[in-house]
C-alpha atoms as a PDB file:
ATOM      1  CA  MET A   1      24.504  74.195  25.960  1.00  0.00           C
ATOM      2  CA  LYS A   2      27.311  72.849  23.835  1.00  0.00           C
ATOM      3  CA  GLU A   3      29.463  75.855  24.748  1.00  0.00           C
ATOM      4  CA  VAL A   4      28.939  75.236  28.462  1.00  0.00           C
ATOM      5  CA  LEU A   5      29.882  71.599  28.137  1.00  0.00           C
ATOM      6  CA  LYS A   6      32.947  72.566  26.145  1.00  0.00           C
ATOM      7  CA  LYS A   7      34.133  74.979  28.855  1.00  0.00           C
ATOM      8  CA  LEU A   8      33.558  72.405  31.578  1.00  0.00           C
ATOM      9  CA  MET A   9      35.635  69.885  29.699  1.00  0.00           C
ATOM     10  CA  ILE A  10      38.469  72.372  29.262  1.00  0.00           C
ATOM     11  CA  LEU A  11      38.366  73.315  32.970  1.00  0.00           C
ATOM     12  CA  GLY A  12      38.374  69.686  33.981  1.00  0.00           C
ATOM     13  CA  ALA A  13      41.370  69.016  31.788  1.00  0.00           C
ATOM     14  CA  VAL A  14      43.266  71.909  33.375  1.00  0.00           C
ATOM     15  CA  VAL A  15      42.515  70.649  36.870  1.00  0.00           C
ATOM     16  CA  VAL A  16      43.567  67.136  35.962  1.00  0.00           C
ATOM     17  CA  TRP A  17      46.772  68.475  34.394  1.00  0.00           C
ATOM     18  CA  ALA A  18      47.511  70.557  37.516  1.00  0.00           C
ATOM     19  CA  ILE A  19      46.993  67.542  39.720  1.00  0.00           C
ATOM     20  CA  ILE A  20      49.255  65.445  37.532  1.00  0.00           C
ATOM     21  CA  ALA A  21      51.903  68.208  37.373  1.00  0.00           C
ATOM     22  CA  SER A  22      51.816  68.654  41.141  1.00  0.00           C
ATOM     23  CA  ALA A  23      52.198  64.960  41.670  1.00  0.00           C
ATOM     24  CA  CYS A  24      55.161  64.853  39.334  1.00  0.00           C
ATOM     25  CA  ALA A  25      56.910  68.062  40.670  1.00  0.00           C
ATOM     26  CA  LYS A  26      60.244  67.618  42.431  1.00  0.00           C
ATOM     27  CA  PRO A  27      59.986  67.844  46.230  1.00  0.00           C
ATOM     28  CA  PRO A  28      61.648  70.816  47.978  1.00  0.00           C
ATOM     29  CA  LYS A  29      64.991  70.410  49.737  1.00  0.00           C
ATOM     30  CA  ALA A  30      66.411  72.423  52.648  1.00  0.00           C
ATOM     31  CA  GLN A  31      69.807  72.305  54.335  1.00  0.00           C
ATOM     32  CA  LEU A  32      71.018  74.329  57.341  1.00  0.00           C
ATOM     33  CA  THR A  33      74.525  74.659  58.809  1.00  0.00           C
ATOM     34  CA  VAL A  34      75.965  76.680  61.718  1.00  0.00           C
ATOM     35  CA  SER A  35      79.579  77.803  62.151  1.00  0.00           C
ATOM     36  CA  LYS A  36      79.681  76.696  65.800  1.00  0.00           C
ATOM     37  CA  ASN A  37      77.546  74.325  67.824  1.00  0.00           C
ATOM     38  CA  GLN A  38      78.681  75.819  71.140  1.00  0.00           C
ATOM     39  CA  ILE A  39      79.635  79.414  71.977  1.00  0.00           C
ATOM     40  CA  LYS A  40      80.123  81.640  75.008  1.00  0.00           C
ATOM     41  CA  GLN A  41      77.699  84.406  75.813  1.00  0.00           C
ATOM     42  CA  GLY A  42      78.556  87.451  73.713  1.00  0.00           C
ATOM     43  CA  GLU A  43      80.052  85.452  70.836  1.00  0.00           C
ATOM     44  CA  SER A  44      78.459  85.283  67.371  1.00  0.00           C
ATOM     45  CA  VAL A  45      77.468  82.355  65.166  1.00  0.00           C
ATOM     46  CA  SER A  46      76.991  82.209  61.386  1.00  0.00           C
ATOM     47  CA  VAL A  47      73.838  80.431  60.105  1.00  0.00           C
ATOM     48  CA  GLU A  48      73.839  79.342  56.427  1.00  0.00           C
ATOM     49  CA  TRP A  49      70.995  77.730  54.453  1.00  0.00           C
ATOM     50  CA  LYS A  50      70.510  76.237  51.003  1.00  0.00           C
ATOM     51  CA  THR A  51      67.200  75.195  49.405  1.00  0.00           C
ATOM     52  CA  GLN A  52      65.977  73.678  46.138  1.00  0.00           C
ATOM     53  CA  ASN A  53      62.544  73.451  44.497  1.00  0.00           C
ATOM     54  CA  ALA A  54      60.969  75.627  47.185  1.00  0.00           C
ATOM     55  CA  LYS A  55      58.587  78.495  46.512  1.00  0.00           C
ATOM     56  CA  GLU A  56      58.422  79.704  50.131  1.00  0.00           C
ATOM     57  CA  ILE A  57      61.403  79.649  52.473  1.00  0.00           C
ATOM     58  CA  LEU A  58      61.294  80.485  56.186  1.00  0.00           C
ATOM     59  CA  LEU A  59      64.183  80.803  58.668  1.00  0.00           C
ATOM     60  CA  ASN A  60      62.762  80.679  62.189  1.00  0.00           C
ATOM     61  CA  GLY A  61      59.487  82.032  60.766  1.00  0.00           C
ATOM     62  CA  LYS A  62      61.095  84.821  58.723  1.00  0.00           C
ATOM     63  CA  LYS A  63      60.887  84.773  54.920  1.00  0.00           C
ATOM     64  CA  VAL A  64      64.318  84.527  53.322  1.00  0.00           C
ATOM     65  CA  GLY A  65      65.858  83.899  49.915  1.00  0.00           C
ATOM     66  CA  THR A  66      66.692  80.585  48.331  1.00  0.00           C
ATOM     67  CA  ASN A  67      70.207  80.593  49.743  1.00  0.00           C
ATOM     68  CA  GLY A  68      71.857  82.866  52.273  1.00  0.00           C
ATOM     69  CA  THR A  69      73.774  83.507  55.483  1.00  0.00           C
ATOM     70  CA  GLU A  70      72.863  85.385  58.664  1.00  0.00           C
ATOM     71  CA  VAL A  71      75.016  86.180  61.713  1.00  0.00           C
ATOM     72  CA  TYR A  72      73.424  86.007  65.155  1.00  0.00           C
ATOM     73  CA  THR A  73      74.578  86.700  68.714  1.00  0.00           C
ATOM     74  CA  PRO A  74      72.195  84.619  70.808  1.00  0.00           C
ATOM     75  CA  THR A  75      71.937  85.271  74.535  1.00  0.00           C
ATOM     76  CA  ASP A  76      70.621  81.770  75.270  1.00  0.00           C
ATOM     77  CA  SER A  77      70.840  78.342  73.679  1.00  0.00           C
ATOM     78  CA  THR A  78      68.880  78.550  70.403  1.00  0.00           C
ATOM     79  CA  THR A  79      67.556  76.169  67.730  1.00  0.00           C
ATOM     80  CA  TYR A  80      67.570  77.478  64.150  1.00  0.00           C
ATOM     81  CA  GLU A  81      65.097  75.999  61.620  1.00  0.00           C
ATOM     82  CA  ILE A  82      64.878  76.384  57.841  1.00  0.00           C
ATOM     83  CA  ILE A  83      61.663  75.360  56.041  1.00  0.00           C
ATOM     84  CA  GLY A  84      61.258  75.113  52.265  1.00  0.00           C
ATOM     85  CA  ARG A  85      57.697  74.736  50.912  1.00  0.00           C
ATOM     86  CA  SER A  86      56.264  73.956  47.527  1.00  0.00           C
ATOM     87  CA  GLY A  87      52.532  73.517  47.617  1.00  0.00           C
ATOM     88  CA  LYS A  88      51.655  71.062  50.321  1.00  0.00           C
ATOM     89  CA  LYS A  89      55.132  69.635  50.347  1.00  0.00           C
ATOM     90  CA  GLU A  90      57.824  70.975  52.638  1.00  0.00           C
ATOM     91  CA  ALA A  91      61.367  70.209  53.736  1.00  0.00           C
ATOM     92  CA  LYS A  92      63.022  71.339  56.931  1.00  0.00           C
ATOM     93  CA  ASP A  93      66.358  71.190  58.713  1.00  0.00           C
ATOM     94  CA  THR A  94      67.347  72.309  62.219  1.00  0.00           C
ATOM     95  CA  LYS A  95      70.560  73.030  64.072  1.00  0.00           C
ATOM     96  CA  SER A  96      71.037  73.898  67.745  1.00  0.00           C
ATOM     97  CA  VAL A  97      73.622  76.265  69.214  1.00  0.00           C
ATOM     98  CA  GLN A  98      74.436  75.903  72.902  1.00  0.00           C
ATOM     99  CA  VAL A  99      75.298  79.190  74.643  1.00  0.00           C
ATOM    100  CA  GLU A 100      77.492  79.106  77.751  1.00  0.00           C
ATOM    101  CA  VAL A 101      76.117  81.829  79.989  1.00  0.00           C
ATOM    102  CA  LEU A 102      78.959  83.623  81.772  1.00  0.00           C
ATOM    103  CA  PRO A 103      78.639  84.759  85.374  1.00  0.00           C
ATOM    104  CA  ALA A 104      78.092  88.422  86.071  1.00  0.00           C
ATOM    105  CA  GLY A 105      81.200  90.580  85.965  1.00  0.00           C
ATOM    106  CA  PRO A 106      82.975  91.686  89.158  1.00  0.00           C
ATOM    107  CA  THR A 107      82.508  95.005  90.920  1.00  0.00           C
ATOM    108  CA  ILE A 108      85.033  96.830  93.113  1.00  0.00           C
ATOM    109  CA  THR A 109      85.322  99.891  95.319  1.00  0.00           C
ATOM    110  CA  LEU A 110      88.595 101.502  96.405  1.00  0.00           C
ATOM    111  CA  ASN A 111      89.255 104.288  98.884  1.00  0.00           C
ATOM    112  CA  SER A 112      92.086 105.838 100.854  1.00  0.00           C
ATOM    113  CA  ASP A 113      91.861 106.647 104.553  1.00  0.00           C
ATOM    114  CA  PRO A 114      92.716 109.448 104.875  1.00  0.00           C
ATOM    115  CA  GLY A 115      92.503 110.902 101.392  1.00  0.00           C
ATOM    116  CA  ALA A 116      95.151 113.538 102.163  1.00  0.00           C
ATOM    117  CA  ILE A 117      98.395 113.245 104.136  1.00  0.00           C
ATOM    118  CA  SER A 118     101.497 115.270 104.817  1.00  0.00           C
ATOM    119  CA  VAL A 119     104.705 114.080 103.215  1.00  0.00           C
ATOM    120  CA  GLY A 120     106.148 111.213 105.247  1.00  0.00           C
ATOM    121  CA  GLY A 121     102.698 110.313 106.567  1.00  0.00           C
ATOM    122  CA  LYS A 122     100.745 107.124 106.028  1.00  0.00           C
ATOM    123  CA  ALA A 123      97.368 106.220 104.581  1.00  0.00           C
ATOM    124  CA  THR A 124      95.450 102.964 104.345  1.00  0.00           C
ATOM    125  CA  LEU A 125      94.239 101.793 100.951  1.00  0.00           C
ATOM    126  CA  ARG A 126      91.066  99.672 101.292  1.00  0.00           C
ATOM    127  CA  TRP A 127      89.170  97.758  98.628  1.00  0.00           C
ATOM    128  CA  SER A 128      86.114  95.541  98.477  1.00  0.00           C
ATOM    129  CA  SER A 129      85.027  93.499  95.466  1.00  0.00           C
ATOM    130  CA  GLN A 130      82.237  91.130  94.483  1.00  0.00           C
ATOM    131  CA  ARG A 131      82.454  88.108  92.161  1.00  0.00           C
ATOM    132  CA  ALA A 132      86.259  88.412  91.949  1.00  0.00           C
ATOM    133  CA  ASP A 133      89.051  85.918  92.590  1.00  0.00           C
ATOM    134  CA  LYS A 134      91.833  88.477  93.043  1.00  0.00           C
ATOM    135  CA  VAL A 135      92.650  92.175  92.975  1.00  0.00           C
ATOM    136  CA  ASP A 136      95.734  93.635  91.261  1.00  0.00           C
ATOM    137  CA  ILE A 137      97.165  97.002  92.314  1.00  0.00           C
ATOM    138  CA  PRO A 138     100.142  97.949  90.090  1.00  0.00           C
ATOM    139  CA  GLY A 139     103.276  98.474  92.129  1.00  0.00           C
ATOM    140  CA  LEU A 140     101.735  97.030  95.292  1.00  0.00           C
ATOM    141  CA  GLY A 141     100.968  93.487  94.207  1.00  0.00           C
ATOM    142  CA  THR A 142      98.132  90.965  93.945  1.00  0.00           C
ATOM    143  CA  PHE A 143      95.675  90.622  96.824  1.00  0.00           C
ATOM    144  CA  GLY A 144      92.481  88.851  97.816  1.00  0.00           C
ATOM    145  CA  PRO A 145      89.012  90.098  96.792  1.00  0.00           C
ATOM    146  CA  SER A 146      88.828  92.442  99.793  1.00  0.00           C
ATOM    147  CA  GLY A 147      91.529  93.887 102.003  1.00  0.00           C
ATOM    148  CA  GLU A 148      93.761  96.812 102.849  1.00  0.00           C
ATOM    149  CA  THR A 149      97.414  97.854 102.700  1.00  0.00           C
ATOM    150  CA  SER A 150      99.474 100.696 104.133  1.00  0.00           C
ATOM    151  CA  ILE A 151     100.918 103.287 101.743  1.00  0.00           C
ATOM    152  CA  SER A 152     103.225 106.269 102.191  1.00  0.00           C
ATOM    153  CA  PRO A 153     103.607 108.149  98.895  1.00  0.00           C
ATOM    154  CA  ILE A 154     105.819 111.241  98.870  1.00  0.00           C
ATOM    155  CA  GLN A 155     103.670 112.993  96.271  1.00  0.00           C
ATOM    156  CA  SER A 156     100.017 112.971  95.245  1.00  0.00           C
ATOM    157  CA  THR A 157      99.268 109.589  93.694  1.00  0.00           C
ATOM    158  CA  THR A 158      96.312 107.864  92.049  1.00  0.00           C
ATOM    159  CA  TYR A 159      96.066 104.144  92.814  1.00  0.00           C
ATOM    160  CA  THR A 160      94.049 101.795  90.590  1.00  0.00           C
ATOM    161  CA  ALA A 161      92.765  98.395  91.704  1.00  0.00           C
ATOM    162  CA  THR A 162      91.537  95.839  89.161  1.00  0.00           C
ATOM    163  CA  ALA A 163      89.251  93.012  90.276  1.00  0.00           C
ATOM    164  CA  LYS A 164      89.446  89.863  88.133  1.00  0.00           C
ATOM    165  CA  GLY A 165      86.957  87.002  88.083  1.00  0.00           C
ATOM    166  CA  PRO A 166      85.243  84.467  85.789  1.00  0.00           C
ATOM    167  CA  GLY A 167      82.914  87.198  84.510  1.00  0.00           C
ATOM    168  CA  GLY A 168      85.666  89.619  83.478  1.00  0.00           C
ATOM    169  CA  GLU A 169      87.394  92.600  85.067  1.00  0.00           C
ATOM    170  CA  ALA A 170      86.457  95.835  86.805  1.00  0.00           C
ATOM    171  CA  SER A 171      88.604  98.706  88.065  1.00  0.00           C
ATOM    172  CA  ALA A 172      88.349 101.478  90.624  1.00  0.00           C
ATOM    173  CA  SER A 173      90.719 104.313  91.528  1.00  0.00           C
ATOM    174  CA  ALA A 174      91.515 106.356  94.617  1.00  0.00           C
ATOM    175  CA  ARG A 175      93.743 109.414  94.855  1.00  0.00           C
ATOM    176  CA  VAL A 176      95.938 110.293  97.818  1.00  0.00           C
ATOM    177  CA  THR A 177      96.843 113.970  98.036  1.00  0.00           C
ATOM    178  CA  VAL A 178     100.256 114.624  99.607  1.00  0.00           C
ATOM    179  CA  THR A 179     101.238 118.045 100.917  1.00  0.00           C
ATOM    180  CA  GLY A 180     104.654 119.273 102.021  1.00  0.00           C
ATOM    181  CA  ASP A 181     108.237 119.228 100.775  1.00  0.00           C
ATOM    182  CA  PRO A 182     109.570 115.680 100.174  1.00  0.00           C
ATOM    183  CA  THR A 183     113.114 116.800 100.941  1.00  0.00           C
ATOM    184  CA  LYS A 184     112.161 117.608 104.520  1.00  0.00           C
ATOM    185  CA  ILE A 185     111.519 113.994 105.401  1.00  0.00           C
ATOM    186  CA  ILE A 186     115.265 113.394 105.521  1.00  0.00           C
ATOM    187  CA  GLU A 187     116.517 113.568 109.070  1.00  0.00           C
ATOM    188  CA  PRO A 188     119.248 116.138 109.788  1.00  0.00           C
ATOM    189  CA  PRO A 189     122.756 114.833 110.555  1.00  0.00           C
ATOM    190  CA  ALA A 190     123.245 113.617 114.067  1.00  0.00           C
ATOM    191  CA  ASN A 191     124.680 116.034 116.600  1.00  0.00           C
ATOM    192  CA  PRO A 192     128.119 114.736 117.654  1.00  0.00           C
ATOM    193  CA  ASN A 193     127.252 115.687 121.242  1.00  0.00           C
ATOM    194  CA  ASN A 194     124.063 113.639 121.135  1.00  0.00           C
ATOM    195  CA  PRO A 195     124.342 110.443 123.214  1.00  0.00           C
ATOM    196  CA  ASN A 196     122.753 108.579 120.297  1.00  0.00           C
ATOM    197  CA  SER A 197     125.560 109.536 117.915  1.00  0.00           C
ATOM    198  CA  GLN A 198     127.455 106.354 118.724  1.00  0.00           C
ATOM    199  CA  ALA A 199     124.396 104.256 117.953  1.00  0.00           C
ATOM    200  CA  GLU A 200     123.939 106.119 114.677  1.00  0.00           C
ATOM    201  CA  ALA A 201     127.564 105.489 113.745  1.00  0.00           C
ATOM    202  CA  ARG A 202     127.155 101.770 114.481  1.00  0.00           C
ATOM    203  CA  PHE A 203     123.949 101.702 112.454  1.00  0.00           C
ATOM    204  CA  LYS A 204     125.521 103.357 109.404  1.00  0.00           C
ATOM    205  CA  ALA A 205     128.575 101.126 109.577  1.00  0.00           C
ATOM    206  CA  THR A 206     126.589  97.891 109.818  1.00  0.00           C
ATOM    207  CA  VAL A 207     123.121  98.141 108.274  1.00  0.00           C
ATOM    208  CA  ARG A 208     123.240  97.753 104.503  1.00  0.00           C
ATOM    209  CA  SER A 209     120.862  98.486 101.619  1.00  0.00           C
ATOM    210  CA  ILE A 210     119.216  95.671  99.674  1.00  0.00           C
ATOM    211  CA  PHE A 211     118.629  95.489  95.921  1.00  0.00           C
ATOM    212  CA  PHE A 212     115.804  94.275  93.683  1.00  0.00           C
ATOM    213  CA  ASP A 213     115.324  92.892  90.191  1.00  0.00           C
ATOM    214  CA  PHE A 214     113.631  95.042  87.547  1.00  0.00           C
ATOM    215  CA  ASP A 215     109.933  95.650  88.232  1.00  0.00           C
ATOM    216  CA  LYS A 216     110.040  93.314  91.256  1.00  0.00           C
ATOM    217  CA  SER A 217     109.474  93.731  94.968  1.00  0.00           C
ATOM    218  CA  ASP A 218     110.204  90.175  96.105  1.00  0.00           C
ATOM    219  CA  LEU A 219     113.472  89.491  97.912  1.00  0.00           C
ATOM    220  CA  ARG A 220     116.447  87.954  96.148  1.00  0.00           C
ATOM    221  CA  ASP A 221     118.726  85.540  98.003  1.00  0.00           C
ATOM    222  CA  ASP A 222     121.401  88.201  98.437  1.00  0.00           C
ATOM    223  CA  ALA A 223     118.813  90.607  99.854  1.00  0.00           C
ATOM    224  CA  LYS A 224     117.671  88.005 102.388  1.00  0.00           C
ATOM    225  CA  SER A 225     121.273  87.422 103.458  1.00  0.00           C
ATOM    226  CA  THR A 226     121.772  91.166 103.958  1.00  0.00           C
ATOM    227  CA  LEU A 227     118.525  91.478 105.903  1.00  0.00           C
ATOM    228  CA  ASP A 228     119.542  88.577 108.142  1.00  0.00           C
ATOM    229  CA  LYS A 229     122.701  90.485 109.086  1.00  0.00           C
ATOM    230  CA  ASN A 230     120.745  93.720 109.528  1.00  0.00           C
ATOM    231  CA  ALA A 231     118.272  91.948 111.810  1.00  0.00           C
ATOM    232  CA  GLN A 232     121.063  90.424 113.880  1.00  0.00           C
ATOM    233  CA  PHE A 233     122.488  93.908 114.492  1.00  0.00           C
ATOM    234  CA  LEU A 234     119.087  95.472 115.196  1.00  0.00           C
ATOM    235  CA  THR A 235     118.104  92.875 117.803  1.00  0.00           C
ATOM    236  CA  THR A 236     121.279  92.975 119.895  1.00  0.00           C
ATOM    237  CA  THR A 237     121.542  94.830 123.198  1.00  0.00           C
ATOM    238  CA  GLY A 238     122.256  98.502 122.669  1.00  0.00           C
ATOM    239  CA  ASN A 239     120.784  98.446 119.168  1.00  0.00           C
ATOM    240  CA  ASN A 240     117.357  97.013 119.912  1.00  0.00           C
ATOM    241  CA  THR A 241     115.881 100.442 120.654  1.00  0.00           C
ATOM    242  CA  ILE A 242     117.039 102.104 117.438  1.00  0.00           C
ATOM    243  CA  VAL A 243     114.201 103.621 115.411  1.00  0.00           C
ATOM    244  CA  PHE A 244     114.807 103.758 111.671  1.00  0.00           C
ATOM    245  CA  ARG A 245     113.158 104.349 108.323  1.00  0.00           C
ATOM    246  CA  ILE A 246     113.091 102.095 105.257  1.00  0.00           C
ATOM    247  CA  GLU A 247     113.032 103.962 101.945  1.00  0.00           C
ATOM    248  CA  GLY A 248     111.984 102.178  98.757  1.00  0.00           C
ATOM    249  CA  ASN A 249     113.629 103.333  95.517  1.00  0.00           C
ATOM    250  CA  CYS A 250     113.214 102.564  91.801  1.00  0.00           C
ATOM    251  CA  ASP A 251     115.101 103.066  88.568  1.00  0.00           C
ATOM    252  CA  PRO A 252     113.818 105.834  86.237  1.00  0.00           C
ATOM    253  CA  ARG A 253     111.795 103.613  83.913  1.00  0.00           C
ATOM    254  CA  GLY A 254     108.012 103.777  84.289  1.00  0.00           C
ATOM    255  CA  SER A 255     105.598 106.480  85.408  1.00  0.00           C
ATOM    256  CA  GLU A 256     105.911 108.504  88.597  1.00  0.00           C
ATOM    257  CA  GLU A 257     102.805 106.921  90.109  1.00  0.00           C
ATOM    258  CA  TYR A 258     103.809 103.370  89.233  1.00  0.00           C
ATOM    259  CA  ASN A 259     107.273 103.782  90.736  1.00  0.00           C
ATOM    260  CA  LEU A 260     105.945 105.409  93.900  1.00  0.00           C
ATOM    261  CA  ALA A 261     103.725 102.381  94.417  1.00  0.00           C
ATOM    262  CA  LEU A 262     106.550  99.952  93.603  1.00  0.00           C
ATOM    263  CA  GLY A 263     108.955 101.716  95.979  1.00  0.00           C
ATOM    264  CA  ASP A 264     106.370 101.482  98.741  1.00  0.00           C
ATOM    265  CA  LYS A 265     105.999  97.760  98.086  1.00  0.00           C
ATOM    266  CA  ARG A 266     109.769  97.235  98.259  1.00  0.00           C
ATOM    267  CA  ALA A 267     110.067  99.089 101.560  1.00  0.00           C
ATOM    268  CA  ASN A 268     107.192  97.116 103.079  1.00  0.00           C
ATOM    269  CA  THR A 269     108.655  93.822 101.849  1.00  0.00           C
ATOM    270  CA  ALA A 270     111.883  94.595 103.717  1.00  0.00           C
ATOM    271  CA  LYS A 271     109.935  95.601 106.822  1.00  0.00           C
ATOM    272  CA  THR A 272     107.888  92.395 106.793  1.00  0.00           C
ATOM    273  CA  TYR A 273     111.050  90.296 106.545  1.00  0.00           C
ATOM    274  CA  LEU A 274     112.695  92.108 109.473  1.00  0.00           C
ATOM    275  CA  VAL A 275     109.561  91.662 111.583  1.00  0.00           C
ATOM    276  CA  GLY A 276     109.833  87.946 110.890  1.00  0.00           C
ATOM    277  CA  LYS A 277     113.388  88.081 112.243  1.00  0.00           C
ATOM    278  CA  GLY A 278     112.312  89.638 115.522  1.00  0.00           C
ATOM    279  CA  VAL A 279     112.554  93.387 114.844  1.00  0.00           C
ATOM    280  CA  ASP A 280     109.679  95.264 116.505  1.00  0.00           C
ATOM    281  CA  PRO A 281     107.522  96.818 113.729  1.00  0.00           C
ATOM    282  CA  SER A 282     106.946  99.937 115.849  1.00  0.00           C
ATOM    283  CA  ARG A 283     110.641 100.782 115.357  1.00  0.00           C
ATOM    284  CA  MET A 284     110.288 100.969 111.585  1.00  0.00           C
ATOM    285  CA  ASP A 285     108.651 103.484 109.273  1.00  0.00           C
ATOM    286  CA  VAL A 286     108.434 103.120 105.498  1.00  0.00           C
ATOM    287  CA  ILE A 287     108.278 105.619 102.659  1.00  0.00           C
ATOM    288  CA  SER A 288     108.647 105.472  98.900  1.00  0.00           C
ATOM    289  CA  ASN A 289     110.916 107.769  96.936  1.00  0.00           C
ATOM    290  CA  GLY A 290     109.732 106.274  93.651  1.00  0.00           C
ATOM    291  CA  LYS A 291     112.261 107.247  90.997  1.00  0.00           C
ATOM    292  CA  ARG A 292     113.076 110.621  92.587  1.00  0.00           C
ATOM    293  CA  ASN A 293     116.580 109.514  93.614  1.00  0.00           C
ATOM    294  CA  SER A 294     117.382 107.512  90.467  1.00  0.00           C
ATOM    295  CA  ARG A 295     120.703 108.329  88.783  1.00  0.00           C
ATOM    296  CA  GLY A 296     121.362 105.436  86.415  1.00  0.00           C
ATOM    297  CA  THR A 297     121.297 105.543  82.617  1.00  0.00           C
ATOM    298  CA  SER A 298     121.942 101.828  81.994  1.00  0.00           C
ATOM    299  CA  GLU A 299     121.580  98.508  83.823  1.00  0.00           C
ATOM    300  CA  GLY A 300     125.013  97.951  85.396  1.00  0.00           C
ATOM    301  CA  ASP A 301     125.055  96.171  88.754  1.00  0.00           C
ATOM    302  CA  PRO A 302     124.272  97.135  92.371  1.00  0.00           C
ATOM    303  CA  THR A 303     127.894  98.035  93.093  1.00  0.00           C
ATOM    304  CA  THR A 304     128.036 100.432  90.139  1.00  0.00           C
ATOM    305  CA  ILE A 305     126.979 104.010  90.851  1.00  0.00           C
ATOM    306  CA  PRO A 306     125.188 105.283  88.905  1.00  0.00           C
ATOM    307  CA  SER A 307     123.247 102.355  87.424  1.00  0.00           C
ATOM    308  CA  TRP A 308     119.672 101.139  87.220  1.00  0.00           C
ATOM    309  CA  ALA A 309     120.596  98.077  89.288  1.00  0.00           C
ATOM    310  CA  ASN A 310     121.804 100.380  92.084  1.00  0.00           C
ATOM    311  CA  ASP A 311     118.684 102.556  91.804  1.00  0.00           C
ATOM    312  CA  ARG A 312     116.428  99.571  92.601  1.00  0.00           C
ATOM    313  CA  ARG A 313     116.994  99.309  96.335  1.00  0.00           C
ATOM    314  CA  ALA A 314     115.677  99.776  99.844  1.00  0.00           C
ATOM    315  CA  ASP A 315     117.760 102.028 102.111  1.00  0.00           C
ATOM    316  CA  PHE A 316     117.803 102.010 105.919  1.00  0.00           C
ATOM    317  CA  ILE A 317     117.952 105.458 107.550  1.00  0.00           C
ATOM    318  CA  TYR A 318     118.767 105.973 111.232  1.00  0.00           C
ATOM    319  CA  VAL A 319     116.202 108.180 113.021  1.00  0.00           C
ATOM    320  CA  ARG A 320     116.860 107.987 116.759  1.00  0.00           C
ATOM    321  CA  GLY A 321     117.492 105.713 119.719  1.00  0.00           C
ATOM    322  CA  GLY A 322     120.084 103.172 120.642  1.00  0.00           C
ATOM    323  CA  GLU A 323     122.449 103.096 123.575  1.00  0.00           C
ATOM    324  CA  THR A 324     126.023 104.176 124.083  1.00  0.00           C
ATOM    325  CA  LEU A 325     128.056 101.054 124.589  1.00  0.00           C
ATOM    326  CA  ARG A 326     130.837 101.338 127.156  1.00  0.00           C
ATOM    327  CA  THR A 327     133.835  99.084 127.164  1.00  0.00           C
ATOM    328  CA  GLU A 328     134.540  97.951 130.696  1.00  0.00           C
ATOM    329  CA  PRO A 329     138.246  97.814 131.700  1.00  0.00           C
ATOM    330  CA  PRO A 330     139.532  94.290 132.215  1.00  0.00           C
ATOM    331  CA  ALA A 331     139.191  93.021 135.719  1.00  0.00           C
ATOM    332  CA  THR A 332     142.375  93.234 137.822  1.00  0.00           C
ATOM    333  CA  ALA A 333     143.477  89.930 139.286  1.00  0.00           C
ATOM    334  CA  PRO A 334     143.509  89.959 143.106  1.00  0.00           C
ATOM    335  CA  ALA A 335     146.918  90.210 144.735  1.00  0.00           C
ATOM    336  CA  ASP A 336     148.449  86.953 145.728  1.00  0.00           C
ATOM    337  CA  ASN A 337     148.803  87.169 149.473  1.00  0.00           C
ATOM    338  CA  LYS A 338     151.670  85.175 150.667  1.00  0.00           C
END
């Protein structure tokens, strides 16, 4: 009996000591920090925690060490919580990370109609995009989300259109196959006995080429002045039936495909300007020579041949039409009858 009482007294003392020790133990501490409070969807955030006097530590329900760091890439706004426990006591800390959800990325389709042409022929490049603000086609320019443009490459070319929007970028490509010999698009010299030979001579003596800045297809002031004079000639009686071709050219820098597209853009820019000055668009055809006719090896200026500055131009080639202008003899004054 004495032994039983002795054991009970010892057990009671242990329990009392445990209660006293628990009451006197230091409370747990927990601290949580995040590297960013706000991120965009797809970005990562670093979550760091520190604890003291804790026997069990949980980060969003997952057991972790006393101190540590984790990197997360949340898809939605998320609250992170660290809990440190010691017996019935616990400490916690929370931090929220706001995630900016980006809109869905754009999509785009691109096709050529037709997909194959003979050299000197035309095709229409058409594109359609979703969730895009603009579409870039190297060498042709920047366009709206959907549209079309006329092209006339002199060799097989792959065009790439890139749709750009708040959600990112997307690209699509279309290839135009060109058959035939590019040299055969040049018209043969006029026959001196042809009644149009006089019109051709006037055309060659008056209509001048225009020049462009590097990697540009917009018109400089000097180009506009030249086009104004060209338009004045082309809209006068005797010349207003001349059919001609505008050929876009580039310097040798850049890829074949890029320069073919840029040359086409330059030729069409000149055509658009002339249309605005009253020249009937049905009288004009456009082609791109790309860098096929380039001869320059350095910049120079447009009047220097060869030079890159001279290579970057749009030429005007007489095709047919025009009238022979006749100079009427001066009228003879009537005799003075006396």
